C-alpha atoms as a PDB file:
ATOM      1  CA  MET A   1     130.129 100.303 118.321  1.00  0.00           C
ATOM      2  CA  ASN A   2     133.431  99.092 118.732  1.00  0.00           C
ATOM      3  CA  ASP A   3     136.834  99.891 117.294  1.00  0.00           C
ATOM      4  CA  LYS A   4     137.038  96.864 114.842  1.00  0.00           C
ATOM      5  CA  SER A   5     138.196  97.891 111.425  1.00  0.00           C
ATOM      6  CA  ALA A   6     136.119  97.620 108.455  1.00  0.00           C
ATOM      7  CA  ALA A   7     138.235  95.222 106.913  1.00  0.00           C
ATOM      8  CA  SER A   8     137.956  92.604 110.047  1.00  0.00           C
ATOM      9  CA  VAL A   9     133.954  92.404 110.124  1.00  0.00           C
ATOM     10  CA  GLY A  10     133.304  88.589 110.200  1.00  0.00           C
ATOM     11  CA  ASP A  11     136.681  87.495 108.905  1.00  0.00           C
ATOM     12  CA  ASN A  12     137.700  85.398 111.891  1.00  0.00           C
ATOM     13  CA  GLU A  13     134.380  83.634 112.282  1.00  0.00           C
ATOM     14  CA  PRO A  14     135.017  80.026 113.511  1.00  0.00           C
ATOM     15  CA  ALA A  15     133.742  77.187 111.225  1.00  0.00           C
ATOM     16  CA  VAL A  16     133.389  74.683 114.333  1.00  0.00           C
ATOM     17  CA  ASP A  17     129.759  75.400 114.800  1.00  0.00           C
ATOM     18  CA  THR A  18     127.736  72.574 113.387  1.00  0.00           C
ATOM     19  CA  GLY A  19     124.714  75.228 112.603  1.00  0.00           C
ATOM     20  CA  GLN A  20     124.531  75.797 108.886  1.00  0.00           C
ATOM     21  CA  GLY A  21     123.775  79.867 109.866  1.00  0.00           C
ATOM     22  CA  SER A  22     127.178  79.668 111.130  1.00  0.00           C
ATOM     23  CA  LEU A  23     128.889  77.709 108.377  1.00  0.00           C
ATOM     24  CA  ALA A  24     127.282  80.270 105.833  1.00  0.00           C
ATOM     25  CA  GLN A  25     128.835  82.891 107.992  1.00  0.00           C
ATOM     26  CA  TYR A  26     132.528  81.160 107.545  1.00  0.00           C
ATOM     27  CA  VAL A  27     132.176  80.336 103.991  1.00  0.00           C
ATOM     28  CA  TYR A  28     131.082  84.068 103.644  1.00  0.00           C
ATOM     29  CA  ALA A  29     133.855  85.530 105.547  1.00  0.00           C
ATOM     30  CA  GLN A  30     136.545  83.315 103.697  1.00  0.00           C
ATOM     31  CA  LEU A  31     135.281  84.261 100.268  1.00  0.00           C
ATOM     32  CA  ARG A  32     134.934  87.905 100.983  1.00  0.00           C
ATOM     33  CA  GLN A  33     138.492  88.086 102.341  1.00  0.00           C
ATOM     34  CA  GLU A  34     139.597  86.062  99.579  1.00  0.00           C
ATOM     35  CA  ILE A  35     138.013  88.863  97.195  1.00  0.00           C
ATOM     36  CA  ARG A  36     139.626  91.610  99.348  1.00  0.00           C
ATOM     37  CA  SER A  37     142.812  89.914  99.412  1.00  0.00           C
ATOM     38  CA  ARG A  38     142.799  89.270  95.238  1.00  0.00           C
ATOM     39  CA  GLN A  39     142.956  85.836  95.599  1.00  0.00           C
ATOM     40  CA  LEU A  40     139.677  85.587  93.721  1.00  0.00           C
ATOM     41  CA  ALA A  41     139.529  88.204  90.891  1.00  0.00           C
ATOM     42  CA  SER A  42     136.996  89.903  88.629  1.00  0.00           C
ATOM     43  CA  GLY A  43     135.520  87.327  86.412  1.00  0.00           C
ATOM     44  CA  ASP A  44     136.688  84.163  88.669  1.00  0.00           C
ATOM     45  CA  ARG A  45     134.167  81.520  88.782  1.00  0.00           C
ATOM     46  CA  LEU A  46     132.617  80.047  92.041  1.00  0.00           C
ATOM     47  CA  ARG A  47     131.829  76.911  91.838  1.00  0.00           C
ATOM     48  CA  GLU A  48     129.640  75.459  94.938  1.00  0.00           C
ATOM     49  CA  VAL A  49     131.417  72.226  94.382  1.00  0.00           C
ATOM     50  CA  ASP A  50     134.841  73.143  94.551  1.00  0.00           C
ATOM     51  CA  ILE A  51     134.036  75.824  97.719  1.00  0.00           C
ATOM     52  CA  ALA A  52     132.806  73.263  99.675  1.00  0.00           C
ATOM     53  CA  GLU A  53     135.406  70.982  99.207  1.00  0.00           C
ATOM     54  CA  ARG A  54     138.230  73.495 100.026  1.00  0.00           C
ATOM     55  CA  LEU A  55     136.610  74.560 103.088  1.00  0.00           C
ATOM     56  CA  ALA A  56     135.472  71.273 104.515  1.00  0.00           C
ATOM     57  CA  VAL A  57     131.616  72.073 104.338  1.00  0.00           C
ATOM     58  CA  SER A  58     128.460  71.126 102.509  1.00  0.00           C
ATOM     59  CA  ARG A  59     127.173  73.013  99.538  1.00  0.00           C
ATOM     60  CA  THR A  60     124.261  74.373 101.397  1.00  0.00           C
ATOM     61  CA  PRO A  61     126.191  77.025 103.490  1.00  0.00           C
ATOM     62  CA  VAL A  62     128.300  77.903 100.440  1.00  0.00           C
ATOM     63  CA  ARG A  63     124.956  78.418  98.508  1.00  0.00           C
ATOM     64  CA  GLU A  64     123.859  80.660 101.183  1.00  0.00           C
ATOM     65  CA  ALA A  65     127.054  82.705 101.686  1.00  0.00           C
ATOM     66  CA  LEU A  66     127.054  83.179  97.609  1.00  0.00           C
ATOM     67  CA  LYS A  67     123.575  84.599  97.848  1.00  0.00           C
ATOM     68  CA  ARG A  68     124.668  86.887 100.429  1.00  0.00           C
ATOM     69  CA  LEU A  69     127.469  88.051  98.571  1.00  0.00           C
ATOM     70  CA  GLU A  70     125.199  88.585  95.194  1.00  0.00           C
ATOM     71  CA  ALA A  71     122.869  90.671  97.173  1.00  0.00           C
ATOM     72  CA  GLU A  72     126.212  92.759  98.373  1.00  0.00           C
ATOM     73  CA  GLY A  73     127.035  93.058  94.294  1.00  0.00           C
ATOM     74  CA  VAL A  74     130.232  91.393  94.901  1.00  0.00           C
ATOM     75  CA  VAL A  75     129.372  88.196  92.651  1.00  0.00           C
ATOM     76  CA  ARG A  76     127.074  87.433  90.219  1.00  0.00           C
ATOM     77  CA  PHE A  77     124.869  84.650  88.872  1.00  0.00           C
ATOM     78  CA  ALA A  78     125.795  84.395  85.260  1.00  0.00           C
ATOM     79  CA  PRO A  79     124.496  81.478  83.463  1.00  0.00           C
ATOM     80  CA  PRO A  80     125.801  78.523  82.221  1.00  0.00           C
ATOM     81  CA  ARG A  81     129.031  79.519  84.422  1.00  0.00           C
ATOM     82  CA  GLY A  82     127.259  79.839  87.880  1.00  0.00           C
ATOM     83  CA  PHE A  83     128.283  82.476  90.270  1.00  0.00           C
ATOM     84  CA  VAL A  84     131.209  84.529  89.139  1.00  0.00           C
ATOM     85  CA  VAL A  85     132.985  87.453  90.936  1.00  0.00           C
ATOM     86  CA  VAL A  86     131.437  90.803  89.419  1.00  0.00           C
ATOM     87  CA  GLN A  87     133.432  92.792  86.881  1.00  0.00           C
ATOM     88  CA  LEU A  88     132.562  96.270  86.909  1.00  0.00           C
ATOM     89  CA  SER A  89     131.465  98.443  84.306  1.00  0.00           C
ATOM     90  CA  ALA A  90     132.833 102.059  83.846  1.00  0.00           C
ATOM     91  CA  LYS A  91     129.683 103.333  84.558  1.00  0.00           C
ATOM     92  CA  GLN A  92     129.607 101.369  87.853  1.00  0.00           C
ATOM     93  CA  VAL A  93     133.124 102.347  88.877  1.00  0.00           C
ATOM     94  CA  MET A  94     131.906 106.443  88.756  1.00  0.00           C
ATOM     95  CA  GLU A  95     128.706 105.223  90.527  1.00  0.00           C
ATOM     96  CA  LEU A  96     131.133 103.596  93.059  1.00  0.00           C
ATOM     97  CA  TYR A  97     133.592 106.636  93.625  1.00  0.00           C
ATOM     98  CA  ALA A  98     130.585 108.779  94.038  1.00  0.00           C
ATOM     99  CA  MET A  99     129.471 106.990  96.725  1.00  0.00           C
ATOM    100  CA  ARG A 100     133.022 106.849  98.095  1.00  0.00           C
ATOM    101  CA  LYS A 101     133.280 110.533  98.006  1.00  0.00           C
ATOM    102  CA  VAL A 102     129.917 110.649 100.400  1.00  0.00           C
ATOM    103  CA  LEU A 103     130.866 108.325 102.822  1.00  0.00           C
ATOM    104  CA  VAL A 104     134.503 109.221 103.233  1.00  0.00           C
ATOM    105  CA  GLY A 105     133.541 112.695 103.660  1.00  0.00           C
ATOM    106  CA  ALA A 106     130.675 111.854 106.351  1.00  0.00           C
ATOM    107  CA  ALA A 107     133.382 109.395 107.841  1.00  0.00           C
ATOM    108  CA  ALA A 108     136.070 112.046 108.463  1.00  0.00           C
ATOM    109  CA  ARG A 109     133.338 114.720 109.555  1.00  0.00           C
ATOM    110  CA  PHE A 110     132.096 112.132 111.999  1.00  0.00           C
ATOM    111  CA  ALA A 111     135.583 111.172 113.171  1.00  0.00           C
ATOM    112  CA  ALA A 112     136.388 114.643 113.684  1.00  0.00           C
ATOM    113  CA  GLU A 113     133.604 114.951 116.154  1.00  0.00           C
ATOM    114  CA  GLN A 114     133.625 111.551 117.841  1.00  0.00           C
ATOM    115  CA  ALA A 115     137.331 110.469 117.725  1.00  0.00           C
ATOM    116  CA  SER A 116     139.177 109.623 121.012  1.00  0.00           C
ATOM    117  CA  PRO A 117     142.573 110.390 121.478  1.00  0.00           C
ATOM    118  CA  ILE A 118     143.514 106.856 120.970  1.00  0.00           C
ATOM    119  CA  GLU A 119     141.982 106.471 117.585  1.00  0.00           C
ATOM    120  CA  ILE A 120     143.858 109.687 116.692  1.00  0.00           C
ATOM    121  CA  LEU A 121     147.047 108.236 117.628  1.00  0.00           C
ATOM    122  CA  SER A 122     146.339 105.047 115.608  1.00  0.00           C
ATOM    123  CA  MET A 123     145.955 107.412 112.434  1.00  0.00           C
ATOM    124  CA  GLN A 124     148.767 109.290 113.234  1.00  0.00           C
ATOM    125  CA  GLN A 125     150.942 106.015 113.490  1.00  0.00           C
ATOM    126  CA  VAL A 126     149.559 104.629 110.304  1.00  0.00           C
ATOM    127  CA  LEU A 127     150.427 108.138 108.628  1.00  0.00           C
ATOM    128  CA  SER A 128     154.154 107.477 109.945  1.00  0.00           C
ATOM    129  CA  GLN A 129     153.997 104.090 108.279  1.00  0.00           C
ATOM    130  CA  LEU A 130     152.670 105.602 105.234  1.00  0.00           C
ATOM    131  CA  GLU A 131     156.030 107.782 105.210  1.00  0.00           C
ATOM    132  CA  LYS A 132     158.212 104.914 105.062  1.00  0.00           C
ATOM    133  CA  ALA A 133     155.954 102.843 102.456  1.00  0.00           C
ATOM    134  CA  LYS A 134     157.462 102.774  98.675  1.00  0.00           C
ATOM    135  CA  THR A 135     155.496 100.150  96.649  1.00  0.00           C
ATOM    136  CA  PRO A 136     151.960 101.080  95.536  1.00  0.00           C
ATOM    137  CA  ASP A 137     150.432  98.098  96.765  1.00  0.00           C
ATOM    138  CA  GLU A 138     151.975  98.600 100.179  1.00  0.00           C
ATOM    139  CA  VAL A 139     150.687 102.407 100.023  1.00  0.00           C
ATOM    140  CA  ALA A 140     147.369 101.225  99.005  1.00  0.00           C
ATOM    141  CA  GLY A 141     147.051  98.371 101.925  1.00  0.00           C
ATOM    142  CA  LEU A 142     148.279 101.254 104.654  1.00  0.00           C
ATOM    143  CA  ASN A 143     145.879 103.885 102.998  1.00  0.00           C
ATOM    144  CA  ARG A 144     142.855 101.535 103.547  1.00  0.00           C
ATOM    145  CA  ARG A 145     144.035 100.973 107.222  1.00  0.00           C
ATOM    146  CA  LEU A 146     143.796 104.704 107.967  1.00  0.00           C
ATOM    147  CA  HIS A 147     140.439 104.698 106.504  1.00  0.00           C
ATOM    148  CA  GLU A 148     139.134 101.983 108.429  1.00  0.00           C
ATOM    149  CA  ILE A 149     140.258 103.585 111.372  1.00  0.00           C
ATOM    150  CA  ILE A 150     138.606 106.773 110.432  1.00  0.00           C
ATOM    151  CA  VAL A 151     135.268 104.943 109.750  1.00  0.00           C
ATOM    152  CA  ALA A 152     135.594 103.207 113.283  1.00  0.00           C
ATOM    153  CA  ALA A 153     136.599 106.537 114.902  1.00  0.00           C
ATOM    154  CA  ALA A 154     133.376 107.858 113.439  1.00  0.00           C
ATOM    155  CA  HIS A 155     131.291 105.700 115.783  1.00  0.00           C
ATOM    156  CA  ASN A 156     128.414 105.490 113.470  1.00  0.00           C
ATOM    157  CA  GLU A 157     126.859 101.822 112.926  1.00  0.00           C
ATOM    158  CA  TYR A 158     125.010 102.344 109.356  1.00  0.00           C
ATOM    159  CA  LEU A 159     128.341 104.282 108.135  1.00  0.00           C
ATOM    160  CA  TYR A 160     130.282 101.356 109.256  1.00  0.00           C
ATOM    161  CA  LYS A 161     128.064  99.060 107.574  1.00  0.00           C
ATOM    162  CA  SER A 162     127.887 100.731 104.244  1.00  0.00           C
ATOM    163  CA  ALA A 163     131.659 101.391 104.142  1.00  0.00           C
ATOM    164  CA  ASN A 164     131.980  97.638 104.683  1.00  0.00           C
ATOM    165  CA  VAL A 165     130.228  96.659 101.055  1.00  0.00           C
ATOM    166  CA  LEU A 166     132.409  99.631  99.978  1.00  0.00           C
ATOM    167  CA  VAL A 167     135.408  98.286 100.689  1.00  0.00           C
ATOM    168  CA  ASP A 168     134.691  95.020  98.979  1.00  0.00           C
ATOM    169  CA  ALA A 169     133.477  96.732  95.787  1.00  0.00           C
ATOM    170  CA  LEU A 170     136.649  98.507  95.512  1.00  0.00           C
ATOM    171  CA  ASN A 171     138.663  95.907  95.534  1.00  0.00           C
ATOM    172  CA  LEU A 172     136.990  94.369  92.515  1.00  0.00           C
ATOM    173  CA  LEU A 173     138.717  97.134  90.523  1.00  0.00           C
ATOM    174  CA  GLY A 174     142.450  95.383  90.697  1.00  0.00           C
ATOM    175  CA  THR A 175     145.014  97.918  90.156  1.00  0.00           C
ATOM    176  CA  THR A 176     145.348 100.676  92.643  1.00  0.00           C
ATOM    177  CA  THR A 177     145.644 104.232  91.966  1.00  0.00           C
ATOM    178  CA  TYR A 178     148.855 104.399  93.737  1.00  0.00           C
ATOM    179  CA  SER A 179     150.520 102.979  90.759  1.00  0.00           C
ATOM    180  CA  MET A 180     149.920 106.307  88.947  1.00  0.00           C
ATOM    181  CA  PRO A 181     153.009 108.574  88.665  1.00  0.00           C
ATOM    182  CA  GLY A 182     152.791 111.329  91.594  1.00  0.00           C
ATOM    183  CA  ARG A 183     149.877 109.581  93.435  1.00  0.00           C
ATOM    184  CA  ILE A 184     152.144 108.173  96.452  1.00  0.00           C
ATOM    185  CA  LYS A 185     153.601 111.717  97.698  1.00  0.00           C
ATOM    186  CA  ALA A 186     150.272 113.531  96.824  1.00  0.00           C
ATOM    187  CA  GLY A 187     147.792 110.902  98.535  1.00  0.00           C
ATOM    188  CA  LEU A 188     150.050 111.153 101.582  1.00  0.00           C
ATOM    189  CA  LYS A 189     149.829 115.050 101.841  1.00  0.00           C
ATOM    190  CA  GLU A 190     145.895 114.414 101.422  1.00  0.00           C
ATOM    191  CA  ASN A 191     145.704 112.092 103.928  1.00  0.00           C
ATOM    192  CA  LYS A 192     147.778 114.347 106.511  1.00  0.00           C
ATOM    193  CA  GLU A 193     145.613 116.830 106.116  1.00  0.00           C
ATOM    194  CA  ILE A 194     142.410 114.545 106.869  1.00  0.00           C
ATOM    195  CA  VAL A 195     144.111 113.169 110.077  1.00  0.00           C
ATOM    196  CA  ALA A 196     145.457 116.924 110.973  1.00  0.00           C
ATOM    197  CA  CYS A 197     141.591 118.203 110.608  1.00  0.00           C
ATOM    198  CA  ILE A 198     140.288 115.232 112.517  1.00  0.00           C
ATOM    199  CA  ALA A 199     142.798 115.814 115.534  1.00  0.00           C
ATOM    200  CA  ARG A 200     141.955 119.488 115.849  1.00  0.00           C
ATOM    201  CA  HIS A 201     138.227 118.287 115.443  1.00  0.00           C
ATOM    202  CA  ASP A 202     137.466 120.443 112.438  1.00  0.00           C
ATOM    203  CA  ALA A 203     134.916 118.515 111.150  1.00  0.00           C
ATOM    204  CA  ASP A 204     134.269 120.951 108.022  1.00  0.00           C
ATOM    205  CA  GLY A 205     137.865 120.780 107.131  1.00  0.00           C
ATOM    206  CA  ALA A 206     137.815 116.945 107.630  1.00  0.00           C
ATOM    207  CA  GLU A 207     134.915 116.421 105.556  1.00  0.00           C
ATOM    208  CA  ARG A 208     136.702 118.647 102.622  1.00  0.00           C
ATOM    209  CA  ALA A 209     139.860 117.249 102.929  1.00  0.00           C
ATOM    210  CA  ALA A 210     138.615 113.598 102.521  1.00  0.00           C
ATOM    211  CA  GLN A 211     136.568 114.566  99.602  1.00  0.00           C
ATOM    212  CA  ALA A 212     139.203 116.120  97.773  1.00  0.00           C
ATOM    213  CA  HIS A 213     141.216 113.188  98.584  1.00  0.00           C
ATOM    214  CA  VAL A 214     138.574 110.802  96.796  1.00  0.00           C
ATOM    215  CA  GLY A 215     138.311 113.394  94.323  1.00  0.00           C
ATOM    216  CA  ALA A 216     141.927 112.784  93.077  1.00  0.00           C
ATOM    217  CA  ALA A 217     141.601 109.288  93.297  1.00  0.00           C
ATOM    218  CA  THR A 218     138.620 109.597  90.848  1.00  0.00           C
ATOM    219  CA  GLU A 219     140.717 111.743  88.282  1.00  0.00           C
ATOM    220  CA  LEU A 220     143.309 109.143  88.318  1.00  0.00           C
ATOM    221  CA  ARG A 221     140.661 105.988  88.063  1.00  0.00           C
ATOM    222  CA  LEU A 222     139.078 107.840  84.701  1.00  0.00           C
ATOM    223  CA  GLN A 223     142.689 107.927  83.346  1.00  0.00           C
ATOM    224  CA  MET A 224     143.350 104.321  84.208  1.00  0.00           C
ATOM    225  CA  LEU A 225     139.970 103.350  82.379  1.00  0.00           C
ATOM    226  CA  PHE A 226     140.111 105.907  79.567  1.00  0.00           C
ATOM    227  CA  GLY A 227     143.537 107.038  79.017  1.00  0.00           C
ATOM    228  CA  GLY A 228     145.391 103.774  78.631  1.00  0.00           C
ATOM    229  CA  THR A 229     147.412 104.026  81.702  1.00  0.00           C
ATOM    230  CA  GLY A 230     146.956 101.132  83.996  1.00  0.00           C
ATOM    231  CA  THR A 231     144.438  98.433  83.717  1.00  0.00           C
END
C-alpha cells in the first residue's frame, strides 16, 4: 500500500476517459469530495439531471455513482425526492463513533509497528501545524490529516478502505467537536500522545491513546446531540 491519505483516494480521477466506468468513478469522486468538503450537506437532494449537466456527463455514470454512494451509506434513495445525502440518527452516530474507536485504535497500533521515519516525521509536522491552529474548522481539518497519515502508516489495505468509508460518514455530522470549549487544547494533547507512542513503537500505548482520543470526542458528540450544545 502506498502513503496516500484516506481523503485522496479517487479524488483526482480524470473525466476524459470515454468509458462509462471511468466516468462513473469521476462522478463518484466528485460527489464524495463535495460531501467531504460540506458543499453537499445532510439532507441535500441529488438530482441526476442536475449533476449530469454540472459535470458534463450523461445520466448513466451519475446513476452508477449514486448507487455506489448508496451502498457506502453516504446517500439514500428517498421517494419521491430521489437520492439525498444521508442524515444520521443519534443511534447511527453512536454506532459510527464505536466503529471509529476500533479503527483509529487499530490504525495507531499498526502504525507503531509499521511506520517509517518519514511517516513519523509527517505526523510530527502536522502536530506543529496543530499547535498554531486557532479555529475549530482549521483544527478539525488538521486532525483529519494527521489521522489520514496514521492510517496510511498502518500499511493495512483493509483498514485503509474501511477508514475511507468512515471518513465519509463522519463528514455527514456537520459541526466539529472542536467547536466545544476546551476541545482544541485537549485534542492537541491527545494527538501528541498518540504520535509519541507511534514514534517509540509502543503499539499498546498508541492504541490506548488513540481510543482515548476518540472516547473524548464521543462524549462531546453526545453533549452536542443531547445536551443542547452545538448542532
